[in-house]
Amino acid sequence: MIDPQALERLPKVELHCHVEGTMRAATLVELAAKNGLHLPVADPVELYEYDSLDGFLQIFWLVQSAIADRADWARVAYESVVDAGPHGLVYRETFFTPARHLAAGQDLADIVAGLDEGLAAAEAETGIRVNLVLDFDRDFGPGAALEQADRLVELKRSSSPGVERVIGVGYDSTEIGREPATFVDAFAVARHAGLRRTAHQGENSGPDAIAACVDVLGAQRIDHGISILEDPDLTARFADERIPFTVCPNSNIRIANAYPSLADHVFPAMREAGLLATLNTDDPALTDLDLGYEYRSVAEAFGYGWDDMVAIALDGVEACWLDEVDKAALRQRVRAVAVPA
């Protein structure tokens, strides 16, 4: 048995976490009241039971709608980091999905500036480092994604406040009826601007869609990707190329209902196949999770020992988008405390 406190202290990198999905229930209530958003229940936790990914998205969109201005973004961003700090987080690449807010009249520059303000305050308080990944919402279509990519590049060129923190793009939301190739223009704009690329795929779609994200969109990481094992040849290729997967086992149980229990999840099979499969929370506040619990529950469910969990932590470093100097420093942090209690 691994000492739970040792796992809590183990330095961790997280690459699949949506800032909107970190919103405290109390914050949701306060922001909803401030911004005139009606919540169907007094306690938002009553909403946090899901029958499918698309069912979850209805709640996620409601939570998103509570964020109305720059100050709201700053608050949510700040709380997302200070809440994760006690669970070993040292570096995170955080998703934000602005399509719904842009459609409501918010400006991307204000959203980014607000996020940066909150993250900077949290970094100063905790020592945790955070970068941002702009996620295109597939539900809004490829045209909106292209507009967001163009606007992000414009903000980069003008050195808009906080935009240096946005290091990549991705896409999320429903996979059903959405072909990766239709988003090729938005991803091409990001690639030409030197931005990193990732893609949510393989939670409700097959291996062909995962392959298209890499081969057509130029994605350098896959978020979830749990269906890849259905194609042994593609699995072997991705293992050989060390294409990272940002896997969220507990989320796949609590949100997507993809497996009967955590013990049935394919995470260990992915790693046994040689895939660079990392461990992440996805939407921790909406699923009653934290990064420490993610590590503890996975260790227990799959019989992992201390060395296995340290290896998972180090794989998170390998999969991140920092430069080699910063990665070396993170590896040193992991190894410095990676001593069994």
C-alpha atoms as a PDB file:
ATOM      1  CA  MET A   1       0.000   0.000   0.000  1.00  0.00           C
ATOM      2  CA  ILE A   2       1.229   3.482  -0.876  1.00  0.00           C
ATOM      3  CA  ASP A   3       1.048   6.151   1.802  1.00  0.00           C
ATOM      4  CA  PRO A   4      -1.799   8.442   0.624  1.00  0.00           C
ATOM      5  CA  GLN A   5       0.040  11.495   1.915  1.00  0.00           C
ATOM      6  CA  ALA A   6       3.111  10.560  -0.112  1.00  0.00           C
ATOM      7  CA  LEU A   7       0.957  10.456  -3.237  1.00  0.00           C
ATOM      8  CA  GLU A   8      -0.571  13.797  -2.280  1.00  0.00           C
ATOM      9  CA  ARG A   9       2.900  15.352  -2.000  1.00  0.00           C
ATOM     10  CA  LEU A  10       4.193  13.839  -5.243  1.00  0.00           C
ATOM     11  CA  PRO A  11       4.696  16.768  -7.700  1.00  0.00           C
ATOM     12  CA  LYS A  12       2.236  16.454 -10.565  1.00  0.00           C
ATOM     13  CA  VAL A  13       1.746  17.931 -14.017  1.00  0.00           C
ATOM     14  CA  GLU A  14      -1.824  18.162 -15.301  1.00  0.00           C
ATOM     15  CA  LEU A  15      -2.571  18.535 -19.006  1.00  0.00           C
ATOM     16  CA  HIS A  16      -6.315  17.973 -19.195  1.00  0.00           C
ATOM     17  CA  CYS A  17      -8.312  20.287 -16.951  1.00  0.00           C
ATOM     18  CA  HIS A  18     -10.987  22.786 -17.992  1.00  0.00           C
ATOM     19  CA  VAL A  19     -10.887  25.990 -15.974  1.00  0.00           C
ATOM     20  CA  GLU A  20     -14.679  26.272 -16.140  1.00  0.00           C
ATOM     21  CA  GLY A  21     -14.908  22.760 -14.702  1.00  0.00           C
ATOM     22  CA  THR A  22     -12.954  23.822 -11.623  1.00  0.00           C
ATOM     23  CA  MET A  23     -15.594  26.329 -10.504  1.00  0.00           C
ATOM     24  CA  ARG A  24     -16.549  25.900  -6.864  1.00  0.00           C
ATOM     25  CA  ALA A  25     -20.254  25.325  -6.224  1.00  0.00           C
ATOM     26  CA  ALA A  26     -20.316  28.400  -3.975  1.00  0.00           C
ATOM     27  CA  THR A  27     -18.692  30.478  -6.706  1.00  0.00           C
ATOM     28  CA  LEU A  28     -21.275  29.282  -9.224  1.00  0.00           C
ATOM     29  CA  VAL A  29     -24.090  30.374  -6.903  1.00  0.00           C
ATOM     30  CA  GLU A  30     -22.513  33.788  -6.335  1.00  0.00           C
ATOM     31  CA  LEU A  31     -21.703  34.451  -9.988  1.00  0.00           C
ATOM     32  CA  ALA A  32     -25.156  33.294 -11.093  1.00  0.00           C
ATOM     33  CA  ALA A  33     -26.768  35.746  -8.661  1.00  0.00           C
ATOM     34  CA  LYS A  34     -24.413  38.541  -9.731  1.00  0.00           C
ATOM     35  CA  ASN A  35     -25.035  37.975 -13.437  1.00  0.00           C
ATOM     36  CA  GLY A  36     -28.747  37.183 -13.409  1.00  0.00           C
ATOM     37  CA  LEU A  37     -28.391  33.509 -14.287  1.00  0.00           C
ATOM     38  CA  HIS A  38     -31.187  31.259 -13.016  1.00  0.00           C
ATOM     39  CA  LEU A  39     -30.024  27.996 -11.464  1.00  0.00           C
ATOM     40  CA  PRO A  40     -32.661  25.249 -11.326  1.00  0.00           C
ATOM     41  CA  VAL A  41     -31.539  24.135  -7.835  1.00  0.00           C
ATOM     42  CA  ALA A  42     -30.289  25.895  -4.712  1.00  0.00           C
ATOM     43  CA  ASP A  43     -27.240  23.626  -4.433  1.00  0.00           C
ATOM     44  CA  PRO A  44     -25.482  23.088  -7.782  1.00  0.00           C
ATOM     45  CA  VAL A  45     -24.039  19.801  -6.531  1.00  0.00           C
ATOM     46  CA  GLU A  46     -27.520  18.342  -7.078  1.00  0.00           C
ATOM     47  CA  LEU A  47     -26.922  18.818 -10.816  1.00  0.00           C
ATOM     48  CA  TYR A  48     -23.658  16.897 -10.898  1.00  0.00           C
ATOM     49  CA  GLU A  49     -24.950  13.465 -11.937  1.00  0.00           C
ATOM     50  CA  TYR A  50     -24.543  12.581 -15.604  1.00  0.00           C
ATOM     51  CA  ASP A  51     -25.853   9.849 -17.901  1.00  0.00           C
ATOM     52  CA  SER A  52     -23.549  10.627 -20.849  1.00  0.00           C
ATOM     53  CA  LEU A  53     -20.994  13.082 -22.183  1.00  0.00           C
ATOM     54  CA  ASP A  54     -23.739  15.070 -23.902  1.00  0.00           C
ATOM     55  CA  GLY A  55     -25.760  15.088 -20.678  1.00  0.00           C
ATOM     56  CA  PHE A  56     -22.743  16.461 -18.833  1.00  0.00           C
ATOM     57  CA  LEU A  57     -22.268  19.154 -21.462  1.00  0.00           C
ATOM     58  CA  GLN A  58     -25.690  20.603 -20.671  1.00  0.00           C
ATOM     59  CA  ILE A  59     -24.486  21.247 -17.101  1.00  0.00           C
ATOM     60  CA  PHE A  60     -21.043  22.396 -18.228  1.00  0.00           C
ATOM     61  CA  TRP A  61     -22.656  24.977 -20.499  1.00  0.00           C
ATOM     62  CA  LEU A  62     -24.816  26.197 -17.611  1.00  0.00           C
ATOM     63  CA  VAL A  63     -21.722  26.602 -15.439  1.00  0.00           C
ATOM     64  CA  GLN A  64     -19.931  28.435 -18.262  1.00  0.00           C
ATOM     65  CA  SER A  65     -22.823  30.865 -18.552  1.00  0.00           C
ATOM     66  CA  ALA A  66     -22.166  32.169 -15.033  1.00  0.00           C
ATOM     67  CA  ILE A  67     -18.899  33.763 -16.199  1.00  0.00           C
ATOM     68  CA  ALA A  68     -19.850  37.180 -17.544  1.00  0.00           C
ATOM     69  CA  ASP A  69     -16.815  39.453 -17.397  1.00  0.00           C
ATOM     70  CA  ARG A  70     -13.076  39.789 -16.904  1.00  0.00           C
ATOM     71  CA  ALA A  71     -13.340  39.771 -13.107  1.00  0.00           C
ATOM     72  CA  ASP A  72     -15.307  36.501 -13.192  1.00  0.00           C
ATOM     73  CA  TRP A  73     -12.638  34.843 -15.323  1.00  0.00           C
ATOM     74  CA  ALA A  74      -9.957  36.066 -12.936  1.00  0.00           C
ATOM     75  CA  ARG A  75     -11.792  34.672  -9.917  1.00  0.00           C
ATOM     76  CA  VAL A  76     -12.387  31.255 -11.448  1.00  0.00           C
ATOM     77  CA  ALA A  77      -8.793  31.025 -12.657  1.00  0.00           C
ATOM     78  CA  TYR A  78      -7.382  31.987  -9.260  1.00  0.00           C
ATOM     79  CA  GLU A  79      -9.547  29.489  -7.386  1.00  0.00           C
ATOM     80  CA  SER A  80      -8.719  26.713  -9.862  1.00  0.00           C
ATOM     81  CA  VAL A  81      -5.051  26.894  -8.882  1.00  0.00           C
ATOM     82  CA  VAL A  82      -5.276  27.466  -5.131  1.00  0.00           C
ATOM     83  CA  ASP A  83      -7.724  24.557  -4.857  1.00  0.00           C
ATOM     84  CA  ALA A  84      -5.317  22.239  -6.698  1.00  0.00           C
ATOM     85  CA  GLY A  85      -2.217  23.281  -4.791  1.00  0.00           C
ATOM     86  CA  PRO A  86      -2.713  21.003  -1.760  1.00  0.00           C
ATOM     87  CA  HIS A  87      -2.865  17.957  -4.047  1.00  0.00           C
ATOM     88  CA  GLY A  88       0.623  18.172  -5.531  1.00  0.00           C
ATOM     89  CA  LEU A  89       0.033  20.241  -8.661  1.00  0.00           C
ATOM     90  CA  VAL A  90       3.197  22.021  -9.824  1.00  0.00           C
ATOM     91  CA  TYR A  91       2.387  22.743 -13.469  1.00  0.00           C
ATOM     92  CA  ARG A  92      -0.834  22.754 -15.479  1.00  0.00           C
ATOM     93  CA  GLU A  93      -1.870  23.443 -19.060  1.00  0.00           C
ATOM     94  CA  THR A  94      -5.459  24.568 -18.604  1.00  0.00           C
ATOM     95  CA  PHE A  95      -8.221  24.597 -21.201  1.00  0.00           C
ATOM     96  CA  PHE A  96     -10.669  27.451 -21.583  1.00  0.00           C
ATOM     97  CA  THR A  97     -13.531  27.334 -24.086  1.00  0.00           C
ATOM     98  CA  PRO A  98     -14.652  30.868 -24.992  1.00  0.00           C
ATOM     99  CA  ALA A  99     -17.135  30.255 -27.855  1.00  0.00           C
ATOM    100  CA  ARG A 100     -20.268  30.615 -25.736  1.00  0.00           C
ATOM    101  CA  HIS A 101     -18.954  33.786 -24.133  1.00  0.00           C
ATOM    102  CA  LEU A 102     -17.851  35.310 -27.424  1.00  0.00           C
ATOM    103  CA  ALA A 103     -21.302  34.634 -28.853  1.00  0.00           C
ATOM    104  CA  ALA A 104     -22.758  36.490 -25.849  1.00  0.00           C
ATOM    105  CA  GLY A 105     -20.631  39.552 -26.592  1.00  0.00           C
ATOM    106  CA  GLN A 106     -17.505  39.078 -24.519  1.00  0.00           C
ATOM    107  CA  ASP A 107     -14.148  39.847 -26.132  1.00  0.00           C
ATOM    108  CA  LEU A 108     -11.339  37.305 -26.314  1.00  0.00           C
ATOM    109  CA  ALA A 109      -8.814  39.900 -25.182  1.00  0.00           C
ATOM    110  CA  ASP A 110     -10.774  40.511 -21.955  1.00  0.00           C
ATOM    111  CA  ILE A 111     -11.205  36.780 -21.349  1.00  0.00           C
ATOM    112  CA  VAL A 112      -7.480  36.117 -21.721  1.00  0.00           C
ATOM    113  CA  ALA A 113      -6.543  39.140 -19.611  1.00  0.00           C
ATOM    114  CA  GLY A 114      -8.901  38.039 -16.852  1.00  0.00           C
ATOM    115  CA  LEU A 115      -7.556  34.503 -16.849  1.00  0.00           C
ATOM    116  CA  ASP A 116      -4.005  35.803 -16.763  1.00  0.00           C
ATOM    117  CA  GLU A 117      -4.790  38.129 -13.854  1.00  0.00           C
ATOM    118  CA  GLY A 118      -6.229  35.317 -11.760  1.00  0.00           C
ATOM    119  CA  LEU A 119      -3.514  32.837 -12.655  1.00  0.00           C
ATOM    120  CA  ALA A 120      -0.741  35.323 -11.919  1.00  0.00           C
ATOM    121  CA  ALA A 121      -2.159  35.963  -8.450  1.00  0.00           C
ATOM    122  CA  ALA A 122      -2.443  32.241  -7.771  1.00  0.00           C
ATOM    123  CA  GLU A 123       1.063  31.561  -9.078  1.00  0.00           C
ATOM    124  CA  ALA A 124       2.485  34.196  -6.755  1.00  0.00           C
ATOM    125  CA  GLU A 125       0.665  32.624  -3.814  1.00  0.00           C
ATOM    126  CA  THR A 126       1.326  28.935  -4.548  1.00  0.00           C
ATOM    127  CA  GLY A 127       4.401  28.680  -6.788  1.00  0.00           C
ATOM    128  CA  ILE A 128       2.377  26.626  -9.269  1.00  0.00           C
ATOM    129  CA  ARG A 129       2.897  27.511 -12.928  1.00  0.00           C
ATOM    130  CA  VAL A 130       0.020  27.561 -15.435  1.00  0.00           C
ATOM    131  CA  ASN A 131      -0.304  28.014 -19.189  1.00  0.00           C
ATOM    132  CA  LEU A 132      -3.495  28.173 -21.236  1.00  0.00           C
ATOM    133  CA  VAL A 133      -4.936  26.221 -24.161  1.00  0.00           C
ATOM    134  CA  LEU A 134      -7.828  27.764 -26.102  1.00  0.00           C
ATOM    135  CA  ASP A 135     -10.359  25.052 -26.899  1.00  0.00           C
ATOM    136  CA  PHE A 136     -12.664  25.438 -29.888  1.00  0.00           C
ATOM    137  CA  ASP A 137     -16.184  24.252 -29.050  1.00  0.00           C
ATOM    138  CA  ARG A 138     -17.227  21.774 -31.743  1.00  0.00           C
ATOM    139  CA  ASP A 139     -20.863  22.584 -31.036  1.00  0.00           C
ATOM    140  CA  PHE A 140     -20.295  26.059 -32.526  1.00  0.00           C
ATOM    141  CA  GLY A 141     -18.805  24.656 -35.733  1.00  0.00           C
ATOM    142  CA  PRO A 142     -15.623  25.171 -37.762  1.00  0.00           C
ATOM    143  CA  GLY A 143     -16.442  28.747 -38.773  1.00  0.00           C
ATOM    144  CA  ALA A 144     -16.451  29.953 -35.170  1.00  0.00           C
ATOM    145  CA  ALA A 145     -13.239  28.008 -34.533  1.00  0.00           C
ATOM    146  CA  LEU A 146     -11.520  29.747 -37.421  1.00  0.00           C
ATOM    147  CA  GLU A 147     -12.654  33.159 -36.155  1.00  0.00           C
ATOM    148  CA  GLN A 148     -11.233  32.347 -32.713  1.00  0.00           C
ATOM    149  CA  ALA A 149      -7.929  31.161 -34.191  1.00  0.00           C
ATOM    150  CA  ASP A 150      -7.608  34.330 -36.254  1.00  0.00           C
ATOM    151  CA  ARG A 151      -8.442  36.521 -33.255  1.00  0.00           C
ATOM    152  CA  LEU A 152      -5.937  34.690 -31.048  1.00  0.00           C
ATOM    153  CA  VAL A 153      -3.190  35.210 -33.614  1.00  0.00           C
ATOM    154  CA  GLU A 154      -4.151  38.886 -33.836  1.00  0.00           C
ATOM    155  CA  LEU A 155      -3.843  39.202 -30.060  1.00  0.00           C
ATOM    156  CA  LYS A 156      -0.469  37.455 -30.174  1.00  0.00           C
ATOM    157  CA  ARG A 157       0.826  39.887 -32.786  1.00  0.00           C
ATOM    158  CA  SER A 158      -0.317  42.886 -30.744  1.00  0.00           C
ATOM    159  CA  SER A 159       1.079  41.477 -27.460  1.00  0.00           C
ATOM    160  CA  SER A 160      -2.322  41.791 -25.833  1.00  0.00           C
ATOM    161  CA  PRO A 161      -2.145  41.469 -22.007  1.00  0.00           C
ATOM    162  CA  GLY A 162      -1.812  37.868 -20.867  1.00  0.00           C
ATOM    163  CA  VAL A 163      -1.837  36.341 -24.334  1.00  0.00           C
ATOM    164  CA  GLU A 164       1.712  34.996 -23.993  1.00  0.00           C
ATOM    165  CA  ARG A 165       0.206  32.497 -21.540  1.00  0.00           C
ATOM    166  CA  VAL A 166      -1.909  30.936 -24.331  1.00  0.00           C
ATOM    167  CA  ILE A 167       0.486  28.388 -25.796  1.00  0.00           C
ATOM    168  CA  GLY A 168      -1.868  26.163 -27.773  1.00  0.00           C
ATOM    169  CA  VAL A 169      -5.307  25.332 -29.112  1.00  0.00           C
ATOM    170  CA  GLY A 170      -7.548  22.299 -29.019  1.00  0.00           C
ATOM    171  CA  TYR A 171     -11.181  21.381 -29.413  1.00  0.00           C
ATOM    172  CA  ASP A 172     -13.794  19.822 -27.152  1.00  0.00           C
ATOM    173  CA  SER A 173     -17.545  19.335 -26.656  1.00  0.00           C
ATOM    174  CA  THR A 174     -19.614  16.660 -28.364  1.00  0.00           C
ATOM    175  CA  GLU A 175     -17.876  14.170 -30.660  1.00  0.00           C
ATOM    176  CA  ILE A 176     -21.104  12.819 -32.135  1.00  0.00           C
ATOM    177  CA  GLY A 177     -21.623  13.971 -35.714  1.00  0.00           C
ATOM    178  CA  ARG A 178     -18.461  16.102 -35.760  1.00  0.00           C
ATOM    179  CA  GLU A 179     -15.712  15.209 -38.227  1.00  0.00           C
ATOM    180  CA  PRO A 180     -12.187  16.351 -37.286  1.00  0.00           C
ATOM    181  CA  ALA A 181     -11.353  17.322 -40.873  1.00  0.00           C
ATOM    182  CA  THR A 182     -13.949  20.105 -40.850  1.00  0.00           C
ATOM    183  CA  PHE A 183     -11.778  22.018 -38.353  1.00  0.00           C
ATOM    184  CA  VAL A 184      -8.633  21.875 -40.482  1.00  0.00           C
ATOM    185  CA  ASP A 185      -8.575  25.614 -41.267  1.00  0.00           C
ATOM    186  CA  ALA A 186      -8.603  26.694 -37.628  1.00  0.00           C
ATOM    187  CA  PHE A 187      -5.847  24.250 -36.733  1.00  0.00           C
ATOM    188  CA  ALA A 188      -3.807  25.372 -39.753  1.00  0.00           C
ATOM    189  CA  VAL A 189      -3.947  28.991 -38.575  1.00  0.00           C
ATOM    190  CA  ALA A 190      -2.740  27.903 -35.155  1.00  0.00           C
ATOM    191  CA  ARG A 191       0.048  25.774 -36.609  1.00  0.00           C
ATOM    192  CA  HIS A 192       1.315  28.580 -38.839  1.00  0.00           C
ATOM    193  CA  ALA A 193       1.379  30.891 -35.803  1.00  0.00           C
ATOM    194  CA  GLY A 194       3.570  28.439 -33.887  1.00  0.00           C
ATOM    195  CA  LEU A 195       0.858  27.389 -31.435  1.00  0.00           C
ATOM    196  CA  ARG A 196       0.719  23.850 -30.071  1.00  0.00           C
ATOM    197  CA  ARG A 197      -2.293  21.665 -30.938  1.00  0.00           C
ATOM    198  CA  THR A 198      -4.318  19.037 -29.135  1.00  0.00           C
ATOM    199  CA  ALA A 199      -7.769  17.512 -29.630  1.00  0.00           C
ATOM    200  CA  HIS A 200     -10.445  15.858 -27.514  1.00  0.00           C
ATOM    201  CA  GLN A 201     -11.185  12.639 -29.368  1.00  0.00           C
ATOM    202  CA  GLY A 202     -11.867   8.976 -28.739  1.00  0.00           C
ATOM    203  CA  GLU A 203     -14.254   9.257 -25.810  1.00  0.00           C
ATOM    204  CA  ASN A 204     -17.331   8.799 -28.030  1.00  0.00           C
ATOM    205  CA  SER A 205     -15.588   8.123 -31.356  1.00  0.00           C
ATOM    206  CA  GLY A 206     -13.345   5.472 -32.860  1.00  0.00           C
ATOM    207  CA  PRO A 207      -9.656   5.205 -33.680  1.00  0.00           C
ATOM    208  CA  ASP A 208     -10.099   6.613 -37.192  1.00  0.00           C
ATOM    209  CA  ALA A 209     -11.145   9.954 -35.699  1.00  0.00           C
ATOM    210  CA  ILE A 210      -8.125   9.903 -33.378  1.00  0.00           C
ATOM    211  CA  ALA A 211      -5.835   9.293 -36.358  1.00  0.00           C
ATOM    212  CA  ALA A 212      -7.484  12.157 -38.268  1.00  0.00           C
ATOM    213  CA  CYS A 213      -6.727  14.561 -35.435  1.00  0.00           C
ATOM    214  CA  VAL A 214      -3.019  13.859 -35.848  1.00  0.00           C
ATOM    215  CA  ASP A 215      -2.818  13.300 -39.598  1.00  0.00           C
ATOM    216  CA  VAL A 216      -5.282  15.969 -40.772  1.00  0.00           C
ATOM    217  CA  LEU A 217      -5.396  18.555 -37.987  1.00  0.00           C
ATOM    218  CA  GLY A 218      -1.768  18.229 -36.952  1.00  0.00           C
ATOM    219  CA  ALA A 219      -2.618  17.556 -33.296  1.00  0.00           C
ATOM    220  CA  GLN A 220       0.411  16.833 -31.141  1.00  0.00           C
ATOM    221  CA  ARG A 221      -1.588  15.384 -28.245  1.00  0.00           C
ATOM    222  CA  ILE A 222      -4.885  13.545 -27.866  1.00  0.00           C
ATOM    223  CA  ASP A 223      -7.254  14.273 -24.991  1.00  0.00           C
ATOM    224  CA  HIS A 224      -8.961  11.084 -23.727  1.00  0.00           C
ATOM    225  CA  GLY A 225      -8.259   8.809 -26.732  1.00  0.00           C
ATOM    226  CA  ILE A 226      -9.565   5.742 -24.926  1.00  0.00           C
ATOM    227  CA  SER A 227     -10.842   4.034 -28.088  1.00  0.00           C
ATOM    228  CA  ILE A 228      -7.375   3.796 -29.680  1.00  0.00           C
ATOM    229  CA  LEU A 229      -6.827   0.261 -28.409  1.00  0.00           C
ATOM    230  CA  GLU A 230      -9.513  -0.905 -30.858  1.00  0.00           C
ATOM    231  CA  ASP A 231      -6.856  -0.469 -33.584  1.00  0.00           C
ATOM    232  CA  PRO A 232      -3.659  -2.364 -32.692  1.00  0.00           C
ATOM    233  CA  ASP A 233      -1.709  -0.933 -35.624  1.00  0.00           C
ATOM    234  CA  LEU A 234      -2.592   2.650 -34.733  1.00  0.00           C
ATOM    235  CA  THR A 235      -1.792   1.926 -31.092  1.00  0.00           C
ATOM    236  CA  ALA A 236       1.651   0.635 -32.052  1.00  0.00           C
ATOM    237  CA  ARG A 237       2.270   3.668 -34.256  1.00  0.00           C
ATOM    238  CA  PHE A 238       1.276   6.181 -31.574  1.00  0.00           C
ATOM    239  CA  ALA A 239       3.351   4.322 -28.999  1.00  0.00           C
ATOM    240  CA  ASP A 240       6.368   4.445 -31.295  1.00  0.00           C
ATOM    241  CA  GLU A 241       5.863   8.158 -31.997  1.00  0.00           C
ATOM    242  CA  ARG A 242       5.291   8.939 -28.299  1.00  0.00           C
ATOM    243  CA  ILE A 243       2.141  10.926 -29.032  1.00  0.00           C
ATOM    244  CA  PRO A 244       0.755  11.822 -25.597  1.00  0.00           C
ATOM    245  CA  PHE A 245      -2.724  10.973 -24.351  1.00  0.00           C
ATOM    246  CA  THR A 246      -4.237  13.069 -21.565  1.00  0.00           C
ATOM    247  CA  VAL A 247      -6.407  10.420 -19.946  1.00  0.00           C
ATOM    248  CA  CYS A 248      -9.033  11.155 -17.274  1.00  0.00           C
ATOM    249  CA  PRO A 249     -10.108   7.770 -15.858  1.00  0.00           C
ATOM    250  CA  ASN A 250     -12.488   8.949 -13.130  1.00  0.00           C
ATOM    251  CA  SER A 251     -14.072  11.458 -15.511  1.00  0.00           C
ATOM    252  CA  ASN A 252     -14.705   8.673 -18.016  1.00  0.00           C
ATOM    253  CA  ILE A 253     -16.650   6.867 -15.289  1.00  0.00           C
ATOM    254  CA  ARG A 254     -18.498   9.821 -13.755  1.00  0.00           C
ATOM    255  CA  ILE A 255     -19.186  11.842 -16.908  1.00  0.00           C
ATOM    256  CA  ALA A 256     -19.194   9.534 -19.923  1.00  0.00           C
ATOM    257  CA  ASN A 257     -20.240   6.350 -18.109  1.00  0.00           C
ATOM    258  CA  ALA A 258     -17.758   4.637 -20.418  1.00  0.00           C
ATOM    259  CA  TYR A 259     -16.973   1.804 -17.989  1.00  0.00           C
ATOM    260  CA  PRO A 260     -18.857   0.123 -15.130  1.00  0.00           C
ATOM    261  CA  SER A 261     -16.095   0.953 -12.646  1.00  0.00           C
ATOM    262  CA  LEU A 262     -12.611   2.414 -12.481  1.00  0.00           C
ATOM    263  CA  ALA A 263     -11.119  -1.077 -12.373  1.00  0.00           C
ATOM    264  CA  ASP A 264     -12.556  -1.659 -15.878  1.00  0.00           C
ATOM    265  CA  HIS A 265     -10.863   1.402 -17.398  1.00  0.00           C
ATOM    266  CA  VAL A 266      -8.299   0.934 -20.206  1.00  0.00           C
ATOM    267  CA  PHE A 267      -5.689   3.237 -18.665  1.00  0.00           C
ATOM    268  CA  PRO A 268      -3.381   0.371 -17.616  1.00  0.00           C
ATOM    269  CA  ALA A 269      -3.848  -1.331 -20.996  1.00  0.00           C
ATOM    270  CA  MET A 270      -2.863   1.916 -22.720  1.00  0.00           C
ATOM    271  CA  ARG A 271       0.324   2.119 -20.707  1.00  0.00           C
ATOM    272  CA  GLU A 272       1.090  -1.563 -21.145  1.00  0.00           C
ATOM    273  CA  ALA A 273       0.802  -1.010 -24.912  1.00  0.00           C
ATOM    274  CA  GLY A 274       3.567   1.587 -24.651  1.00  0.00           C
ATOM    275  CA  LEU A 275       1.354   4.652 -25.042  1.00  0.00           C
ATOM    276  CA  LEU A 276       2.359   7.870 -23.321  1.00  0.00           C
ATOM    277  CA  ALA A 277      -0.826   7.965 -21.225  1.00  0.00           C
ATOM    278  CA  THR A 278      -0.911  10.671 -18.562  1.00  0.00           C
ATOM    279  CA  LEU A 279      -3.267  11.149 -15.611  1.00  0.00           C
ATOM    280  CA  ASN A 280      -5.640  14.109 -15.272  1.00  0.00           C
ATOM    281  CA  THR A 281      -8.930  15.229 -13.678  1.00  0.00           C
ATOM    282  CA  ASP A 282     -10.824  16.914 -16.566  1.00  0.00           C
ATOM    283  CA  ASP A 283     -13.552  18.842 -14.652  1.00  0.00           C
ATOM    284  CA  PRO A 284     -12.739  18.241 -10.985  1.00  0.00           C
ATOM    285  CA  ALA A 285     -15.296  20.507  -9.312  1.00  0.00           C
ATOM    286  CA  LEU A 286     -18.142  19.071 -11.400  1.00  0.00           C
ATOM    287  CA  THR A 287     -17.163  15.475 -10.620  1.00  0.00           C
ATOM    288  CA  ASP A 288     -16.058  15.724  -6.970  1.00  0.00           C
ATOM    289  CA  LEU A 289     -12.415  15.038  -7.843  1.00  0.00           C
ATOM    290  CA  ASP A 290      -8.965  16.403  -7.211  1.00  0.00           C
ATOM    291  CA  LEU A 291      -5.586  15.418  -8.608  1.00  0.00           C
ATOM    292  CA  GLY A 292      -4.523  13.663  -5.416  1.00  0.00           C
ATOM    293  CA  TYR A 293      -7.657  11.512  -5.487  1.00  0.00           C
ATOM    294  CA  GLU A 294      -7.044  10.750  -9.158  1.00  0.00           C
ATOM    295  CA  TYR A 295      -3.605   9.368  -8.333  1.00  0.00           C
ATOM    296  CA  ARG A 296      -4.731   7.483  -5.199  1.00  0.00           C
ATOM    297  CA  SER A 297      -7.765   5.872  -6.810  1.00  0.00           C
ATOM    298  CA  VAL A 298      -5.825   4.814  -9.907  1.00  0.00           C
ATOM    299  CA  ALA A 299      -3.066   3.290  -7.791  1.00  0.00           C
ATOM    300  CA  GLU A 300      -5.626   1.310  -5.792  1.00  0.00           C
ATOM    301  CA  ALA A 301      -7.771   0.248  -8.766  1.00  0.00           C
ATOM    302  CA  PHE A 302      -4.852  -1.028 -10.842  1.00  0.00           C
ATOM    303  CA  GLY A 303      -2.527  -2.252  -8.123  1.00  0.00           C
ATOM    304  CA  TYR A 304       0.163   0.271  -8.956  1.00  0.00           C
ATOM    305  CA  GLY A 305       3.149   0.663  -6.680  1.00  0.00           C
ATOM    306  CA  TRP A 306       5.093   3.773  -5.794  1.00  0.00           C
ATOM    307  CA  ASP A 307       7.483   3.478  -8.744  1.00  0.00           C
ATOM    308  CA  ASP A 308       4.511   3.169 -11.112  1.00  0.00           C
ATOM    309  CA  MET A 309       3.019   6.418  -9.833  1.00  0.00           C
ATOM    310  CA  VAL A 310       6.339   8.240 -10.038  1.00  0.00           C
ATOM    311  CA  ALA A 311       6.634   7.042 -13.650  1.00  0.00           C
ATOM    312  CA  ILE A 312       3.158   8.420 -14.380  1.00  0.00           C
ATOM    313  CA  ALA A 313       4.132  11.760 -12.859  1.00  0.00           C
ATOM    314  CA  LEU A 314       7.299  11.858 -14.988  1.00  0.00           C
ATOM    315  CA  ASP A 315       5.296  11.006 -18.110  1.00  0.00           C
ATOM    316  CA  GLY A 316       3.174  14.082 -17.427  1.00  0.00           C
ATOM    317  CA  VAL A 317       6.361  16.126 -17.609  1.00  0.00           C
ATOM    318  CA  GLU A 318       7.362  14.484 -20.902  1.00  0.00           C
ATOM    319  CA  ALA A 319       3.954  15.179 -22.426  1.00  0.00           C
ATOM    320  CA  CYS A 320       3.786  18.867 -21.497  1.00  0.00           C
ATOM    321  CA  TRP A 321       4.634  21.750 -23.832  1.00  0.00           C
ATOM    322  CA  LEU A 322       7.394  23.411 -21.833  1.00  0.00           C
ATOM    323  CA  ASP A 323      10.894  23.614 -23.282  1.00  0.00           C
ATOM    324  CA  GLU A 324      13.536  21.048 -22.357  1.00  0.00           C
ATOM    325  CA  VAL A 325      15.154  23.260 -19.716  1.00  0.00           C
ATOM    326  CA  ASP A 326      11.873  23.698 -17.856  1.00  0.00           C
ATOM    327  CA  LYS A 327      11.026  20.013 -18.266  1.00  0.00           C
ATOM    328  CA  ALA A 328      14.368  19.065 -16.722  1.00  0.00           C
ATOM    329  CA  ALA A 329      13.594  21.291 -13.741  1.00  0.00           C
ATOM    330  CA  LEU A 330      10.185  19.644 -13.301  1.00  0.00           C
ATOM    331  CA  ARG A 331      11.703  16.168 -13.507  1.00  0.00           C
ATOM    332  CA  GLN A 332      14.137  17.156 -10.789  1.00  0.00           C
ATOM    333  CA  ARG A 333      11.253  18.309  -8.598  1.00  0.00           C
ATOM    334  CA  VAL A 334       9.498  14.964  -9.037  1.00  0.00           C
ATOM    335  CA  ARG A 335      12.616  12.932  -8.365  1.00  0.00           C
ATOM    336  CA  ALA A 336      13.632  15.046  -5.372  1.00  0.00           C
ATOM    337  CA  VAL A 337      10.547  13.970  -3.410  1.00  0.00           C
ATOM    338  CA  ALA A 338       9.939  10.611  -5.083  1.00  0.00           C
ATOM    339  CA  VAL A 339      11.025   8.689  -2.013  1.00  0.00           C
ATOM    340  CA  PRO A 340       8.604   6.160  -0.481  1.00  0.00           C
ATOM    341  CA  ALA A 341       7.378   7.138   2.946  1.00  0.00           C
END
